[in-house]
C-alpha atoms as a PDB file:
ATOM      1  CA  MET A   1      -7.875 -19.236   0.689  1.00  0.00           C
ATOM      2  CA  SER A   2      -5.021 -20.344  -1.512  1.00  0.00           C
ATOM      3  CA  ILE A   3      -1.643 -18.615  -1.598  1.00  0.00           C
ATOM      4  CA  LYS A   4      -2.545 -17.353  -5.296  1.00  0.00           C
ATOM      5  CA  ASP A   5      -5.833 -15.928  -4.010  1.00  0.00           C
ATOM      6  CA  GLU A   6      -4.157 -14.129  -1.171  1.00  0.00           C
ATOM      7  CA  LEU A   7      -1.499 -12.863  -3.415  1.00  0.00           C
ATOM      8  CA  GLU A   8      -4.179 -11.440  -5.739  1.00  0.00           C
ATOM      9  CA  GLN A   9      -5.864  -9.786  -2.801  1.00  0.00           C
ATOM     10  CA  VAL A  10      -2.650  -8.223  -1.485  1.00  0.00           C
ATOM     11  CA  GLU A  11      -1.862  -6.978  -5.060  1.00  0.00           C
ATOM     12  CA  ALA A  12      -5.327  -5.387  -5.248  1.00  0.00           C
ATOM     13  CA  ASP A  13      -4.964  -3.810  -1.805  1.00  0.00           C
ATOM     14  CA  LEU A  14      -1.605  -2.419  -2.877  1.00  0.00           C
ATOM     15  CA  ALA A  15      -2.924  -0.891  -6.057  1.00  0.00           C
ATOM     16  CA  ARG A  16      -5.821   0.655  -4.171  1.00  0.00           C
ATOM     17  CA  LEU A  17      -3.683   2.102  -1.366  1.00  0.00           C
ATOM     18  CA  ARG A  18      -0.971   3.424  -3.800  1.00  0.00           C
ATOM     19  CA  ALA A  19      -3.733   5.327  -5.616  1.00  0.00           C
ATOM     20  CA  GLU A  20      -5.262   6.636  -2.589  1.00  0.00           C
ATOM     21  CA  ASN A  21      -1.843   7.756  -1.228  1.00  0.00           C
ATOM     22  CA  GLN A  22      -1.004   9.547  -4.483  1.00  0.00           C
ATOM     23  CA  GLU A  23      -4.415  11.334  -4.406  1.00  0.00           C
ATOM     24  CA  ILE A  24      -3.765  12.508  -0.895  1.00  0.00           C
ATOM     25  CA  ARG A  25      -0.293  13.769  -1.845  1.00  0.00           C
ATOM     26  CA  ASP A  26      -1.713  15.454  -4.927  1.00  0.00           C
ATOM     27  CA  GLN A  27      -4.349  17.168  -2.740  1.00  0.00           C
ATOM     28  CA  ILE A  28      -1.617  18.393  -0.381  1.00  0.00           C
ATOM     29  CA  ARG A  29       0.209  19.982  -3.299  1.00  0.00           C
ATOM     30  CA  ASP A  30      -2.916  21.631  -4.504  1.00  0.00           C
ATOM     31  CA  ILE A  31      -3.889  23.042  -1.148  1.00  0.00           C
ATOM     32  CA  GLY A  32      -0.916  25.221  -0.800  1.00  0.00           C
ATOM     33  CA  ALA A  33      -0.006  26.926   2.514  1.00  0.00           C
ATOM     34  CA  THR A  34      -3.586  27.836   3.527  1.00  0.00           C
ATOM     35  CA  ASP A  35      -4.408  25.470   6.289  1.00  0.00           C
ATOM     36  CA  GLN A  36      -1.317  23.990   8.116  1.00  0.00           C
ATOM     37  CA  VAL A  37      -3.347  21.828  10.496  1.00  0.00           C
ATOM     38  CA  GLU A  38      -5.186  20.206   7.624  1.00  0.00           C
ATOM     39  CA  ILE A  39      -2.053  19.782   5.655  1.00  0.00           C
ATOM     40  CA  ALA A  40      -0.256  18.136   8.630  1.00  0.00           C
ATOM     41  CA  SER A  41      -3.168  15.731   9.130  1.00  0.00           C
ATOM     42  CA  MET A  42      -3.149  14.842   5.468  1.00  0.00           C
ATOM     43  CA  ILE A  43       0.629  14.310   5.520  1.00  0.00           C
ATOM     44  CA  SER A  44       0.227  12.093   8.606  1.00  0.00           C
ATOM     45  CA  GLN A  45      -2.444  10.048   6.780  1.00  0.00           C
ATOM     46  CA  ALA A  46      -0.316   9.600   3.699  1.00  0.00           C
ATOM     47  CA  ASP A  47       2.533   8.554   5.768  1.00  0.00           C
ATOM     48  CA  GLU A  48       0.483   5.949   7.610  1.00  0.00           C
ATOM     49  CA  GLN A  49      -0.689   4.647   4.261  1.00  0.00           C
ATOM     50  CA  ALA A  50       2.967   4.358   3.100  1.00  0.00           C
ATOM     51  CA  GLU A  51       3.818   2.294   6.077  1.00  0.00           C
ATOM     52  CA  LEU A  52       0.878   0.078   5.402  1.00  0.00           C
ATOM     53  CA  ILE A  53       2.032  -0.217   1.741  1.00  0.00           C
ATOM     54  CA  SER A  54       5.489  -1.280   3.016  1.00  0.00           C
ATOM     55  CA  GLU A  55       3.799  -3.925   5.140  1.00  0.00           C
ATOM     56  CA  LEU A  56       1.725  -5.223   2.323  1.00  0.00           C
ATOM     57  CA  GLU A  57       4.807  -5.356   0.039  1.00  0.00           C
ATOM     58  CA  ARG A  58       6.651  -7.490   2.643  1.00  0.00           C
ATOM     59  CA  ARG A  59       3.537  -9.746   2.901  1.00  0.00           C
ATOM     60  CA  ARG A  60       3.397 -10.057  -0.897  1.00  0.00           C
ATOM     61  CA  ASP A  61       7.131 -10.989  -1.083  1.00  0.00           C
ATOM     62  CA  GLY A  62       6.579 -13.629   1.620  1.00  0.00           C
ATOM     63  CA  LEU A  63       3.577 -14.972  -0.374  1.00  0.00           C
ATOM     64  CA  LEU A  64       5.679 -15.083  -3.561  1.00  0.00           C
ATOM     65  CA  GLN A  65       8.428 -16.960  -1.733  1.00  0.00           C
ATOM     66  CA  ARG A  66       5.898 -19.453  -0.401  1.00  0.00           C
ATOM     67  CA  LEU A  67       4.285 -19.898  -3.882  1.00  0.00           C
ATOM     68  CA  LYS A  68       7.677 -20.558  -5.426  1.00  0.00           C
ATOM     69  CA  GLN A  69       8.446 -23.133  -2.702  1.00  0.00           C
ATOM     70  CA  GLU A  70       5.093 -24.745  -3.180  1.00  0.00           C
ATOM     71  CA  GLU A  71       5.478 -24.909  -6.864  1.00  0.00           C
ATOM     72  CA  GLY A  72       9.061 -26.165  -6.549  1.00  0.00           C
ATOM     73  CA  ALA A  73       7.908 -29.046  -4.370  1.00  0.00           C
ATOM     74  CA  ARG A  74       5.644 -30.391  -7.088  1.00  0.00           C
END
């Protein structure tokens, strides 16, 4: 897989995870204070996704740097 292909995959994963994360957080707001256990679980899931998003952003930044270096070497 080329760096560009990998970068496109990471960008697609980021877009998907950001949308899912926003959907979870929207659901948390809509639930209100009815089920604290469920809300805590959803918050935990959203936080885990946020960590994954951060990891993917770091990966993307590394790929962008590699791509710039590769293109600069040509």
